[in-house]
Protein backbone atom coordinates (compact mmCIF):
# COMPACT_ATOMS: atom_id res chain seq x y z
CA UNK A 1 130.06 213.01 136.15
CA UNK A 2 128.02 209.67 135.35
CA UNK A 3 128.37 207.03 137.83
CA UNK A 4 130.22 203.98 136.18
CA UNK A 5 131.71 200.91 136.83
CA UNK A 6 133.81 197.70 135.87
CA UNK A 7 134.56 194.34 137.21
CA UNK A 8 137.11 191.90 136.08
CA UNK A 9 138.61 188.90 137.22
CA UNK A 10 137.45 185.15 136.80
CA UNK A 11 136.18 182.87 138.85
CA UNK A 12 139.25 180.91 139.85
CA UNK A 13 141.77 183.76 139.17
CA UNK A 14 143.83 185.52 141.62
CA UNK A 15 141.69 188.15 142.48
CA UNK A 16 138.29 190.19 141.88
CA UNK A 17 138.47 193.62 141.02
CA UNK A 18 135.98 196.49 140.25
CA UNK A 19 136.97 200.50 139.81
CA UNK A 20 133.90 203.10 139.84
CA UNK A 21 134.08 206.44 138.82
CA UNK A 22 131.83 209.11 139.32
CA UNK A 23 131.65 208.50 143.46
CA UNK A 24 131.84 211.81 144.93
CA UNK A 25 134.23 212.95 147.46
CA UNK A 26 134.29 213.01 151.04
CA UNK A 27 131.81 209.93 151.09
CA UNK A 28 133.15 208.75 154.57
CA UNK A 29 133.53 204.86 153.94
CA UNK A 30 135.38 202.25 155.29
CA UNK A 31 136.23 198.38 154.07
CA UNK A 32 134.13 196.53 156.72
CA UNK A 33 131.09 199.01 155.34
CA UNK A 34 131.77 196.34 152.33
CA UNK A 35 132.87 193.66 154.08
CA UNK A 36 129.13 193.09 155.73
CA UNK A 37 127.29 193.40 152.82
CA UNK A 38 130.44 190.54 151.37
CA UNK A 39 130.00 188.18 153.81
CA UNK A 40 125.87 187.98 153.75
CA UNK A 41 126.39 186.77 150.25
CA UNK A 42 128.12 183.87 151.07
CA UNK A 43 125.61 183.01 154.07
CA UNK A 44 122.68 181.19 153.52
CA UNK A 45 121.27 177.53 153.36
CA UNK A 46 121.86 175.54 150.78
CA UNK A 47 125.44 177.30 149.63
CA UNK A 48 128.29 175.34 148.68
CA UNK A 49 131.52 174.06 149.93
CA UNK A 50 133.37 176.77 148.42
CA UNK A 51 131.89 178.87 151.11
CA UNK A 52 133.72 177.19 153.57
CA UNK A 53 137.39 178.19 151.59
CA UNK A 54 136.31 182.08 151.01
CA UNK A 55 135.84 184.35 153.37
CA UNK A 56 135.71 187.54 151.27
CA UNK A 57 137.07 190.87 152.10
CA UNK A 58 138.05 193.94 150.13
CA UNK A 59 140.80 195.87 149.35
CA UNK A 60 140.90 199.21 148.62
CA UNK A 61 143.60 200.06 146.17
CA UNK A 62 142.76 203.80 144.97
CA UNK A 63 140.89 206.11 146.12
CA UNK A 64 140.04 206.64 149.61
CA UNK A 65 142.52 208.51 152.09
CA UNK A 66 142.00 208.28 155.87
CA UNK A 67 138.28 206.98 155.34
CA UNK A 68 136.97 209.20 152.65
CA UNK A 69 136.70 208.88 149.04
CA UNK A 70 138.59 211.18 147.12
CA UNK A 71 136.79 211.54 143.75
CA UNK A 72 138.72 209.89 141.86
CA UNK A 73 138.25 206.38 140.65
CA UNK A 74 138.10 203.69 143.34
CA UNK A 75 139.78 200.50 143.27
CA UNK A 76 138.25 197.58 145.12
CA UNK A 77 140.67 194.05 145.27
CA UNK A 78 138.46 190.50 146.66
CA UNK A 79 141.42 188.20 146.94
CA UNK A 80 140.44 184.68 145.82
CA UNK A 81 141.70 182.56 148.70
CA UNK A 82 141.75 179.22 146.86
CA UNK A 83 144.12 180.66 144.11
CA UNK A 84 146.65 178.30 145.35
CA UNK A 85 144.82 175.52 144.04
CA UNK A 86 144.72 177.29 140.84
CA UNK A 87 147.69 179.09 139.65
CA UNK A 88 148.55 176.58 136.84
CA UNK A 89 145.49 175.86 135.68
CA UNK A 90 144.87 179.15 135.24
CA UNK A 91 147.87 180.91 134.92
CA UNK A 92 147.95 183.58 132.07
CA UNK A 93 151.86 182.36 131.22
CA UNK A 94 151.67 179.83 128.36
CA UNK A 95 155.10 177.72 129.98
CA UNK A 96 152.02 176.65 132.92
CA UNK A 97 150.11 175.11 130.65
CA UNK A 98 148.54 172.55 131.88
CA UNK A 99 147.14 169.10 129.50
CA UNK A 100 144.36 167.34 129.89
CA UNK A 101 142.31 169.10 132.30
CA UNK A 102 139.98 171.12 129.43
CA UNK A 103 136.10 171.40 130.42
CA UNK A 104 134.31 169.90 126.87
CA UNK A 105 131.95 168.78 128.53
CA UNK A 106 129.04 171.50 128.30
CA UNK A 107 126.40 172.25 131.41
CA UNK A 108 122.89 172.77 129.96
CA UNK A 109 121.53 176.16 130.95
CA UNK A 110 124.70 177.35 131.33
CA UNK A 111 127.31 180.21 129.26
CA UNK A 112 129.83 176.97 128.49
CA UNK A 113 128.31 175.93 124.80
CA UNK A 114 127.54 179.52 123.60
CA UNK A 115 130.27 180.30 124.70
CA UNK A 116 132.82 178.19 123.55
CA UNK A 117 131.18 178.53 120.23
CA UNK A 118 130.96 182.51 120.34
CA UNK A 119 134.51 182.87 121.34
CA UNK A 120 136.34 179.96 119.24
CA UNK A 121 137.37 177.59 122.77
CA UNK A 122 137.69 174.69 122.29
CA UNK A 123 138.17 174.86 126.83
CA UNK A 124 134.54 175.34 128.50
CA UNK A 125 136.76 176.63 131.26
CA UNK A 126 137.50 179.76 129.11
CA UNK A 127 134.26 179.87 129.50
CA UNK A 128 132.68 179.64 132.53
CA UNK A 129 135.58 181.11 134.54
CA UNK A 130 134.01 184.42 133.85
CA UNK A 131 130.04 183.54 133.52
CA UNK A 132 130.50 182.06 136.84
CA UNK A 133 128.07 184.20 139.28
CA UNK A 134 131.81 183.98 141.63
CA UNK A 135 131.65 187.68 139.43
CA UNK A 136 128.56 188.58 141.75
CA UNK A 137 131.25 189.25 144.85
CA UNK A 138 132.36 192.22 142.70
CA UNK A 139 129.14 193.63 142.18
CA UNK A 140 128.14 193.07 145.81
CA UNK A 141 131.49 195.28 146.87
CA UNK A 142 130.16 198.03 144.30
CA UNK A 143 126.98 198.14 145.72
CA UNK A 144 128.22 198.20 148.52
CA UNK A 145 129.38 201.29 148.64
CA UNK A 146 126.71 202.90 146.61
CA UNK A 147 124.47 201.32 149.42
CA UNK A 148 126.77 203.63 152.02
CA UNK A 149 126.09 206.90 149.44
CA UNK A 150 122.59 206.22 149.42
CA UNK A 151 122.68 206.46 153.38
CA UNK A 152 124.49 209.33 153.58
CA UNK A 153 121.15 210.89 151.73
CA UNK A 154 118.00 208.86 153.33
CA UNK A 155 118.10 206.81 151.29
CA UNK A 156 117.45 202.41 152.64
CA UNK A 157 117.73 199.43 150.44
CA UNK A 158 116.52 195.86 151.78
CA UNK A 159 116.39 192.14 150.28
CA UNK A 160 114.86 189.17 151.46
CA UNK A 161 113.55 185.63 149.85
CA UNK A 162 110.08 185.66 148.96
CA UNK A 163 109.74 182.75 147.67
CA UNK A 164 112.25 179.36 146.86
CA UNK A 165 111.43 175.99 145.62
CA UNK A 166 107.85 176.69 145.11
CA UNK A 167 107.44 177.94 148.28
CA UNK A 168 106.21 181.15 149.54
CA UNK A 169 106.31 183.11 152.29
CA UNK A 170 103.02 184.95 153.94
CA UNK A 171 102.34 188.70 153.77
CA UNK A 172 101.34 189.43 157.58
CA UNK A 173 101.21 192.89 157.07
CA UNK A 174 104.75 193.69 158.48
CA UNK A 175 106.44 196.53 157.74
CA UNK A 176 109.50 196.60 155.34
CA UNK A 177 112.11 196.99 158.67
CA UNK A 178 110.66 194.59 160.04
CA UNK A 179 110.37 191.81 157.11
CA UNK A 180 114.42 192.62 156.62
CA UNK A 181 115.33 192.84 160.11
CA UNK A 182 113.49 189.02 160.63
CA UNK A 183 114.51 188.15 157.35
CA UNK A 184 118.55 189.21 158.29
CA UNK A 185 118.16 185.63 161.10
CA UNK A 186 117.03 183.19 158.56
CA UNK A 187 119.39 180.85 157.53
CA UNK A 188 116.74 181.16 153.98
CA UNK A 189 116.81 185.25 154.42
CA UNK A 190 113.16 184.89 154.35
CA UNK A 191 111.18 186.47 156.68
CA UNK A 192 108.49 183.90 157.43
CA UNK A 193 109.42 181.70 159.93
CA UNK A 194 107.12 178.75 158.90
CA UNK A 195 107.94 179.10 155.46
CA UNK A 196 112.08 179.17 156.32
CA UNK A 197 111.30 175.63 157.79
CA UNK A 198 110.04 174.47 154.26
CA UNK A 199 112.36 175.52 152.29
CA UNK A 200 115.74 174.05 154.42
CA UNK A 201 113.90 170.80 154.05
CA UNK A 202 113.10 171.09 150.41
CA UNK A 203 117.08 172.09 150.43
CA UNK A 204 118.16 169.64 151.84
CA UNK A 205 115.62 167.20 150.13
CA UNK A 206 117.45 168.58 147.17
CA UNK A 207 120.86 168.05 147.72
CA UNK A 208 120.12 164.45 148.63
CA UNK A 209 118.59 164.07 145.15
CA UNK A 210 121.62 165.99 143.99
CA UNK A 211 119.39 168.58 142.45
CA UNK A 212 118.71 172.42 142.78
CA UNK A 213 116.65 174.74 143.39
CA UNK A 214 115.28 178.63 142.24
CA UNK A 215 113.19 181.05 143.89
CA UNK A 216 112.19 184.58 144.15
CA UNK A 217 113.47 187.68 145.81
CA UNK A 218 112.08 191.14 146.58
CA UNK A 219 113.88 194.16 147.37
CA UNK A 220 112.72 197.01 148.59
CA UNK A 221 113.96 200.94 148.49
CA UNK A 222 112.73 203.24 151.10
CA UNK A 223 113.31 207.35 150.69
CA UNK A 224 113.81 207.33 147.40
CA UNK A 225 112.80 211.21 146.30
CA UNK A 226 110.14 211.21 143.41
CA UNK A 227 111.77 212.27 140.50
CA UNK A 228 114.53 209.58 140.01
CA UNK A 229 114.78 208.69 136.16
CA UNK A 230 112.60 210.24 133.39
CA UNK A 231 109.98 209.22 130.89
CA UNK A 232 112.09 211.77 128.05
CA UNK A 233 113.33 208.64 126.12
CA UNK A 234 113.50 205.07 126.64
CA UNK A 235 116.91 204.85 128.25
CA UNK A 236 116.01 207.18 131.22
CA UNK A 237 112.68 205.06 132.50
CA UNK A 238 114.34 203.99 135.79
CA UNK A 239 111.87 200.89 135.68
CA UNK A 240 114.03 199.68 132.74
CA UNK A 241 117.04 199.91 134.17
CA UNK A 242 116.67 198.65 137.24
CA UNK A 243 114.98 195.78 135.31
CA UNK A 244 118.20 194.99 133.71
CA UNK A 245 120.25 195.72 136.53
CA UNK A 246 117.95 192.82 138.28
CA UNK A 247 118.08 190.38 135.05
CA UNK A 248 121.72 191.03 134.85
CA UNK A 249 122.70 188.66 137.54
CA UNK A 250 123.57 185.08 136.92
CA UNK A 251 120.88 182.71 136.71
CA UNK A 252 118.07 185.61 136.37
CA UNK A 253 115.07 184.88 134.30
CA UNK A 254 112.25 187.35 135.55
CA UNK A 255 111.60 190.71 137.10
CA UNK A 256 108.76 192.81 138.47
CA UNK A 257 107.77 195.72 139.55
CA UNK A 258 104.54 196.71 141.98
CA UNK A 259 102.07 193.91 141.01
CA UNK A 260 104.26 193.42 137.90
CA UNK A 261 102.35 189.98 135.85
CA UNK A 262 99.17 190.35 138.29
CA UNK A 263 98.44 194.15 136.99
CA UNK A 264 97.78 192.11 133.75
CA UNK A 265 94.91 190.33 134.91
CA UNK A 266 93.28 192.83 136.79
CA UNK A 267 90.94 195.71 135.83
CA UNK A 268 92.67 199.23 136.11
CA UNK A 269 90.33 200.60 138.82
CA UNK A 270 92.46 197.50 141.16
CA UNK A 271 95.94 198.61 139.35
CA UNK A 272 96.18 202.06 139.83
CA UNK A 273 97.20 204.16 142.59
CA UNK A 274 94.71 206.81 144.11
CA UNK A 275 96.32 209.95 144.52
CA UNK A 276 95.98 212.20 147.77
CA UNK A 277 97.39 215.06 149.62
CA UNK A 278 98.57 215.90 153.18
CA UNK A 279 100.33 218.51 154.79
CA UNK A 280 103.69 217.77 153.27
CA UNK A 281 103.33 216.57 150.12
CA UNK A 282 101.16 214.57 147.91
CA UNK A 283 100.95 210.51 148.02
CA UNK A 284 99.28 207.74 147.03
CA UNK A 285 96.74 205.46 148.89
CA UNK A 286 98.00 202.51 148.10
CA UNK A 287 101.40 200.85 146.67
CA UNK A 288 100.87 198.62 143.69
CA UNK A 289 102.75 200.63 141.24
CA UNK A 290 105.72 199.93 143.42
CA UNK A 291 106.92 203.23 143.92
CA UNK A 292 107.84 204.08 139.83
CA UNK A 293 105.39 205.43 137.05
CA UNK A 294 106.12 206.54 133.82
CA UNK A 295 109.57 205.51 134.29
CA UNK A 296 110.30 207.78 137.06
CA UNK A 297 110.49 206.92 141.03
CA UNK A 298 107.04 208.56 142.11
CA UNK A 299 107.92 208.90 146.07
CA UNK A 300 106.93 206.17 147.71
CA UNK A 301 108.80 202.74 147.77
CA UNK A 302 110.40 200.90 145.13
CA UNK A 303 109.30 197.40 145.11
CA UNK A 304 110.82 195.11 142.63
CA UNK A 305 111.07 191.22 142.57
CA UNK A 306 113.61 188.94 140.70
CA UNK A 307 113.02 185.46 139.87
CA UNK A 308 116.31 182.89 139.81
CA UNK A 309 116.45 179.72 138.29
CA UNK A 310 118.16 177.06 139.90
CA UNK A 311 121.83 176.73 139.21
CA UNK A 312 122.28 174.93 136.21
CA UNK A 313 125.70 172.71 137.83
CA UNK A 314 123.98 169.33 138.81
CA UNK A 315 125.66 166.73 140.83
CA UNK A 316 122.87 164.08 139.23
CA UNK A 317 124.05 165.91 135.54
CA UNK A 318 121.95 166.05 132.85
CA UNK A 319 122.87 164.94 129.60
CA UNK A 320 125.04 167.12 127.34
CA UNK A 321 127.48 166.20 124.08
CA UNK A 322 131.27 166.43 124.41
CA UNK A 323 133.02 169.65 121.98
CA UNK A 324 135.64 167.28 120.40
CA UNK A 325 133.95 163.94 119.50
CA UNK A 326 129.98 165.20 119.58
CA UNK A 327 129.28 161.90 121.86
CA UNK A 328 126.90 161.62 124.09
CA UNK A 329 127.57 162.35 128.12
CA UNK A 330 126.91 163.74 131.49
CA UNK A 331 127.27 167.47 132.03
CA UNK A 332 130.80 168.62 133.47
CA UNK A 333 130.13 168.97 137.38
CA UNK A 334 131.61 171.78 139.14
CA UNK A 335 132.08 172.47 142.78
CA UNK A 336 128.26 174.55 143.46
CA UNK A 337 125.37 175.66 145.24
CA UNK A 338 122.39 173.25 145.97
CA UNK A 339 120.26 176.84 146.43
CA UNK A 340 121.48 180.23 146.34
CA UNK A 341 118.75 182.72 146.55
CA UNK A 342 119.10 183.89 149.93
CA UNK A 343 122.58 185.10 148.25
CA UNK A 344 120.75 186.32 144.80
CA UNK A 345 118.82 188.75 147.63
CA UNK A 346 122.02 190.46 148.72
CA UNK A 347 123.38 190.99 145.07
CA UNK A 348 119.88 192.21 143.89
CA UNK A 349 120.42 194.87 146.86
CA UNK A 350 123.50 195.49 144.94
CA UNK A 351 122.77 195.72 141.92
CA UNK A 352 119.58 198.45 142.72
CA UNK A 353 121.71 200.16 144.48
CA UNK A 354 124.39 200.57 142.08
CA UNK A 355 121.35 201.76 140.00
CA UNK A 356 119.36 204.64 142.63
CA UNK A 357 123.53 205.64 143.17
CA UNK A 358 123.49 206.63 139.11
CA UNK A 359 119.53 207.99 139.04
CA UNK A 360 120.48 209.91 142.12
CA UNK A 361 124.33 211.35 140.73
CA UNK A 362 122.32 212.60 137.50
CA UNK A 363 119.62 214.15 139.53
CA UNK A 364 121.91 215.91 142.23
CA UNK A 365 125.43 215.79 140.85
CA UNK A 366 128.25 217.27 142.46
CA UNK A 367 131.70 216.85 143.25
CA UNK A 368 131.66 216.42 146.81
CA UNK A 369 128.98 214.56 149.17
CA UNK A 370 128.30 217.91 150.79
CA UNK A 371 127.33 219.17 147.31
CA UNK A 372 125.04 216.45 146.26
CA UNK A 373 123.48 216.98 150.17
CA UNK A 374 123.10 220.46 149.23
CA UNK A 375 121.29 220.13 145.95
CA UNK A 376 119.15 217.29 147.45
CA UNK A 377 117.50 219.41 150.63
CA UNK A 378 116.81 222.31 147.90
CA UNK A 379 114.98 219.90 145.32
CA UNK A 380 113.14 218.40 148.83
CA UNK A 381 112.01 222.07 150.02
CA UNK A 382 110.64 222.21 146.48
CA UNK A 383 108.65 219.04 146.74
CA UNK A 384 107.19 220.08 149.82
CA UNK A 385 106.17 223.06 149.41
CA UNK A 386 104.23 222.17 146.39
């Protein structure tokens, strides 16, 4: 069965919900396995006031019994604790309609204007509630479930910040696990303590100026076997699927794998990874390809980066036009973050984990975890003996 999921819910609605179908039975999972990642998403220097209101916790509403998945659809629910302040403004009942609260000053850089035109709305609230990055809490929950699935197969997913506000973390040769471990202790989720202090200062300066900052996150996958994905058809190419998953995160504007755009500036002799062989299998002498060749994993670490633009809600708002009068106005100000790049690293981990879990199930799928593990073990014996 194909792994698929849907999320539902508005930013200030009663809850966010996700339904996951295709997860095998007998995966050991607890709400705490997911809540830890939800908490990571809420951390980071530069987050806004809402993080003081919401303490995201997931509830399993279906698909899990006594700590194990059942093989049936899994329903995840995350309560919005701020709902009590919005129960009339966001009520589904026509009788609760509140006049005079329409959002009519669309924000540059947001979905507001295109959304009201597309869906024929006169209130941008009907657009911004769903287009909000609050939705990523549901994807982090789904991603945490998929991370646990991958971890039980020996596949690890790490994420951290490599650039924020134009400040780049130095590459000091640390291995990926060390980078991740150090980044987890950083308020900017970066592994470079010198860059961290500069990032904090840059965020504080942006906050004082009523501005926002973007950055670049890196996600690394260790333990993925060779051969996930396919070159046979365009829509099976794993690099394309991973790129789409990362680009689907709110405010992301660019993705690169391995050397990425740098590969376009170098000769082939400095781009392609030489192949070697040691007891136990083939390997690459370097990893400029970022673990993906021909749309498939090649057995090396998968390295993918995503670029996040500054959040479009500014406390010193840009100019816009009123939807009704067409007069010039300052854009609407919603409660928002100065910088959400550290949180975006957690979201990027999640979407990569989801896509990898789907690719694993396509290759080694079974109705129960034991079957998936047996299929993977048999394949790895083939790989090591090739």
